[in-house]
Amino acid sequence: MSLRKFPKAGSQRRIILDELISVKGEFVGLNLLMRIACCGAVHSQIDELRKQYGAQIINEQIAQKNGRRHSEYKLVNWGEFTIND
């Protein structure tokens, strides 16, 4: 297993990745990621984490009682990342 590099410290991408790593394979809601990263384009940041850093992030859509759908993300390979600032 090779360890991966992180995005630049303090970046939206890094904040999102840090949160996904901290929950160790559990799902994190889109609203939380938007709030902590001050980012309205979480989907784009997730896409870049997948492409540039090899993050295996899956997305689930949860149907709510009011008919709306809620996105959640999970980092599958969270153990492959190492801090390298």
N, C-alpha and C. Protein backbone atom coordinates (compact mmCIF):
# COMPACT_ATOMS: atom_id res chain seq x y z
N MET A 1 0.84 -1.18 0.00
CA MET A 1 0.00 0.00 0.00
C MET A 1 0.89 1.24 0.00
N SER A 2 0.72 2.11 -0.97
CA SER A 2 1.50 3.34 -1.02
C SER A 2 0.71 4.47 -0.38
N LEU A 3 1.42 5.33 0.36
CA LEU A 3 0.77 6.47 0.99
C LEU A 3 0.68 7.61 -0.01
N ARG A 4 -0.41 8.36 0.08
CA ARG A 4 -0.67 9.43 -0.87
C ARG A 4 -0.40 10.79 -0.24
N LYS A 5 -0.17 11.78 -1.08
CA LYS A 5 0.03 13.14 -0.62
C LYS A 5 -1.32 13.82 -0.42
N PHE A 6 -1.30 14.89 0.36
CA PHE A 6 -2.49 15.70 0.62
C PHE A 6 -2.48 16.93 -0.27
N PRO A 7 -3.66 17.52 -0.51
CA PRO A 7 -3.70 18.85 -1.13
C PRO A 7 -3.09 19.88 -0.17
N LYS A 8 -2.88 21.08 -0.65
CA LYS A 8 -2.28 22.15 0.14
C LYS A 8 -3.10 22.42 1.41
N ALA A 9 -2.41 22.56 2.54
CA ALA A 9 -3.06 22.83 3.82
C ALA A 9 -3.90 24.10 3.74
N GLY A 10 -5.11 24.06 4.30
CA GLY A 10 -6.00 25.22 4.32
C GLY A 10 -6.88 25.37 3.10
N SER A 11 -6.61 24.60 2.06
CA SER A 11 -7.44 24.69 0.86
C SER A 11 -8.79 24.01 1.10
N GLN A 12 -9.78 24.37 0.32
CA GLN A 12 -11.09 23.73 0.44
C GLN A 12 -10.97 22.23 0.24
N ARG A 13 -10.17 21.85 -0.73
CA ARG A 13 -9.96 20.43 -1.02
C ARG A 13 -9.39 19.71 0.20
N ARG A 14 -8.42 20.33 0.85
CA ARG A 14 -7.77 19.73 2.01
C ARG A 14 -8.74 19.62 3.19
N ILE A 15 -9.54 20.66 3.40
CA ILE A 15 -10.51 20.65 4.49
C ILE A 15 -11.51 19.52 4.29
N ILE A 16 -11.99 19.35 3.07
CA ILE A 16 -12.93 18.28 2.76
C ILE A 16 -12.27 16.92 2.97
N LEU A 17 -11.05 16.75 2.46
CA LEU A 17 -10.35 15.49 2.60
C LEU A 17 -10.07 15.18 4.07
N ASP A 18 -9.64 16.18 4.85
CA ASP A 18 -9.38 15.97 6.27
C ASP A 18 -10.63 15.47 6.99
N GLU A 19 -11.77 16.04 6.66
CA GLU A 19 -13.02 15.60 7.30
C GLU A 19 -13.36 14.17 6.92
N LEU A 20 -13.22 13.85 5.64
CA LEU A 20 -13.52 12.48 5.20
C LEU A 20 -12.57 11.46 5.84
N ILE A 21 -11.32 11.83 6.04
CA ILE A 21 -10.36 10.94 6.69
C ILE A 21 -10.69 10.78 8.17
N SER A 22 -11.09 11.88 8.81
CA SER A 22 -11.31 11.85 10.27
C SER A 22 -12.44 10.92 10.68
N VAL A 23 -13.39 10.67 9.79
CA VAL A 23 -14.52 9.78 10.14
C VAL A 23 -14.24 8.33 9.76
N LYS A 24 -13.07 8.06 9.21
CA LYS A 24 -12.57 6.71 8.94
C LYS A 24 -13.57 5.79 8.23
N GLY A 25 -13.99 6.23 7.06
CA GLY A 25 -14.84 5.37 6.24
C GLY A 25 -16.33 5.52 6.46
N GLU A 26 -16.74 6.47 7.27
CA GLU A 26 -18.17 6.74 7.46
C GLU A 26 -18.60 7.81 6.47
N PHE A 27 -19.91 7.94 6.28
CA PHE A 27 -20.44 8.96 5.38
C PHE A 27 -20.47 10.32 6.06
N VAL A 28 -20.24 11.37 5.27
CA VAL A 28 -20.31 12.76 5.72
C VAL A 28 -21.28 13.49 4.81
N GLY A 29 -22.21 14.22 5.39
CA GLY A 29 -23.22 14.94 4.62
C GLY A 29 -22.66 16.12 3.84
N LEU A 30 -23.27 16.37 2.71
CA LEU A 30 -22.88 17.49 1.85
C LEU A 30 -22.96 18.81 2.60
N ASN A 31 -24.02 19.02 3.37
CA ASN A 31 -24.18 20.28 4.09
C ASN A 31 -23.03 20.55 5.05
N LEU A 32 -22.57 19.52 5.74
CA LEU A 32 -21.44 19.69 6.65
C LEU A 32 -20.18 20.06 5.88
N LEU A 33 -19.92 19.37 4.79
CA LEU A 33 -18.74 19.67 3.98
C LEU A 33 -18.79 21.09 3.43
N MET A 34 -19.96 21.52 3.00
CA MET A 34 -20.11 22.89 2.49
C MET A 34 -19.81 23.90 3.59
N ARG A 35 -20.31 23.63 4.77
CA ARG A 35 -20.15 24.56 5.89
C ARG A 35 -18.70 24.64 6.36
N ILE A 36 -18.06 23.51 6.59
CA ILE A 36 -16.70 23.56 7.16
C ILE A 36 -15.66 24.03 6.15
N ALA A 37 -15.89 23.78 4.86
CA ALA A 37 -14.93 24.20 3.83
C ALA A 37 -15.28 25.54 3.21
N CYS A 38 -16.41 26.13 3.65
CA CYS A 38 -16.89 27.39 3.04
C CYS A 38 -16.89 27.25 1.52
N CYS A 39 -17.52 26.18 1.07
CA CYS A 39 -17.45 25.82 -0.33
C CYS A 39 -18.83 25.45 -0.86
N GLY A 40 -19.26 26.14 -1.90
CA GLY A 40 -20.53 25.81 -2.53
C GLY A 40 -20.39 24.79 -3.64
N ALA A 41 -19.15 24.45 -3.98
CA ALA A 41 -18.89 23.53 -5.08
C ALA A 41 -18.19 22.27 -4.58
N VAL A 42 -18.76 21.65 -3.57
CA VAL A 42 -18.16 20.44 -2.99
C VAL A 42 -18.03 19.36 -4.04
N HIS A 43 -19.03 19.21 -4.90
CA HIS A 43 -18.99 18.17 -5.94
C HIS A 43 -17.73 18.32 -6.80
N SER A 44 -17.38 19.54 -7.16
CA SER A 44 -16.17 19.79 -7.97
C SER A 44 -14.91 19.45 -7.20
N GLN A 45 -14.87 19.80 -5.92
CA GLN A 45 -13.70 19.50 -5.10
C GLN A 45 -13.54 17.98 -4.94
N ILE A 46 -14.64 17.28 -4.76
CA ILE A 46 -14.61 15.82 -4.66
C ILE A 46 -14.07 15.22 -5.96
N ASP A 47 -14.51 15.75 -7.10
CA ASP A 47 -14.05 15.26 -8.39
C ASP A 47 -12.53 15.43 -8.53
N GLU A 48 -12.03 16.59 -8.10
CA GLU A 48 -10.59 16.83 -8.17
C GLU A 48 -9.82 15.92 -7.20
N LEU A 49 -10.38 15.65 -6.02
CA LEU A 49 -9.74 14.72 -5.09
C LEU A 49 -9.62 13.34 -5.72
N ARG A 50 -10.64 12.96 -6.45
CA ARG A 50 -10.61 11.66 -7.13
C ARG A 50 -9.54 11.64 -8.23
N LYS A 51 -9.53 12.68 -9.06
CA LYS A 51 -8.63 12.72 -10.22
C LYS A 51 -7.17 12.97 -9.84
N GLN A 52 -6.93 13.98 -9.02
CA GLN A 52 -5.55 14.40 -8.73
C GLN A 52 -4.88 13.61 -7.61
N TYR A 53 -5.69 13.11 -6.66
CA TYR A 53 -5.09 12.50 -5.47
C TYR A 53 -5.46 11.03 -5.31
N GLY A 54 -6.22 10.48 -6.22
CA GLY A 54 -6.56 9.07 -6.16
C GLY A 54 -7.52 8.69 -5.05
N ALA A 55 -8.26 9.66 -4.55
CA ALA A 55 -9.22 9.40 -3.48
C ALA A 55 -10.40 8.60 -4.03
N GLN A 56 -10.70 7.51 -3.38
CA GLN A 56 -11.85 6.68 -3.77
C GLN A 56 -13.04 7.12 -2.93
N ILE A 57 -13.78 8.08 -3.46
CA ILE A 57 -14.90 8.68 -2.73
C ILE A 57 -16.19 8.24 -3.40
N ILE A 58 -17.08 7.68 -2.59
CA ILE A 58 -18.38 7.29 -3.13
C ILE A 58 -19.44 8.26 -2.61
N ASN A 59 -20.49 8.37 -3.38
CA ASN A 59 -21.59 9.29 -3.08
C ASN A 59 -22.88 8.50 -2.96
N GLU A 60 -23.65 8.82 -1.93
CA GLU A 60 -24.99 8.23 -1.79
C GLU A 60 -26.01 9.34 -1.74
N GLN A 61 -27.16 9.09 -2.32
CA GLN A 61 -28.29 10.01 -2.27
C GLN A 61 -29.31 9.43 -1.31
N ILE A 62 -29.66 10.18 -0.28
CA ILE A 62 -30.63 9.74 0.72
C ILE A 62 -31.92 10.53 0.51
N ALA A 63 -33.03 9.80 0.33
CA ALA A 63 -34.33 10.45 0.18
C ALA A 63 -34.85 10.87 1.55
N GLN A 64 -35.26 12.12 1.67
CA GLN A 64 -35.81 12.61 2.93
C GLN A 64 -37.34 12.54 2.88
N LYS A 65 -37.98 12.70 4.02
CA LYS A 65 -39.43 12.61 4.10
C LYS A 65 -40.14 13.65 3.24
N ASN A 66 -39.52 14.82 3.09
CA ASN A 66 -40.14 15.90 2.31
C ASN A 66 -39.91 15.74 0.81
N GLY A 67 -39.31 14.63 0.40
CA GLY A 67 -39.09 14.37 -1.02
C GLY A 67 -37.75 14.85 -1.56
N ARG A 68 -37.05 15.64 -0.79
CA ARG A 68 -35.73 16.11 -1.22
C ARG A 68 -34.71 14.99 -1.07
N ARG A 69 -33.61 15.14 -1.78
CA ARG A 69 -32.53 14.16 -1.69
C ARG A 69 -31.34 14.82 -1.02
N HIS A 70 -30.63 14.06 -0.23
CA HIS A 70 -29.49 14.55 0.53
C HIS A 70 -28.26 13.74 0.12
N SER A 71 -27.18 14.43 -0.25
CA SER A 71 -25.94 13.76 -0.66
C SER A 71 -25.04 13.52 0.54
N GLU A 72 -24.41 12.36 0.54
CA GLU A 72 -23.40 12.02 1.53
C GLU A 72 -22.20 11.42 0.80
N TYR A 73 -21.00 11.68 1.35
CA TYR A 73 -19.77 11.19 0.75
C TYR A 73 -19.00 10.33 1.73
N LYS A 74 -18.30 9.33 1.20
CA LYS A 74 -17.48 8.45 2.01
C LYS A 74 -16.16 8.19 1.29
N LEU A 75 -15.05 8.35 2.03
CA LEU A 75 -13.72 8.06 1.50
C LEU A 75 -13.40 6.61 1.83
N VAL A 76 -13.34 5.79 0.81
CA VAL A 76 -13.12 4.35 0.99
C VAL A 76 -11.68 4.06 1.38
N ASN A 77 -10.72 4.70 0.73
CA ASN A 77 -9.30 4.41 0.96
C ASN A 77 -8.64 5.43 1.90
N TRP A 78 -9.31 5.77 3.00
CA TRP A 78 -8.82 6.80 3.93
C TRP A 78 -7.46 6.45 4.54
N GLY A 79 -7.13 5.18 4.66
CA GLY A 79 -5.87 4.79 5.27
C GLY A 79 -4.65 4.97 4.37
N GLU A 80 -4.86 5.34 3.12
CA GLU A 80 -3.75 5.48 2.17
C GLU A 80 -3.16 6.89 2.11
N PHE A 81 -3.65 7.81 2.94
CA PHE A 81 -3.19 9.19 2.88
C PHE A 81 -2.28 9.50 4.04
N THR A 82 -1.26 10.33 3.76
CA THR A 82 -0.31 10.77 4.79
C THR A 82 -0.11 12.27 4.65
N ILE A 83 0.08 12.93 5.78
CA ILE A 83 0.33 14.39 5.74
C ILE A 83 1.73 14.64 5.24
N ASN A 84 1.82 15.53 4.27
CA ASN A 84 3.12 15.87 3.67
C ASN A 84 3.10 17.34 3.29
N ASP A 85 3.03 18.20 4.31
CA ASP A 85 2.96 19.65 4.05
C ASP A 85 4.33 20.25 3.86
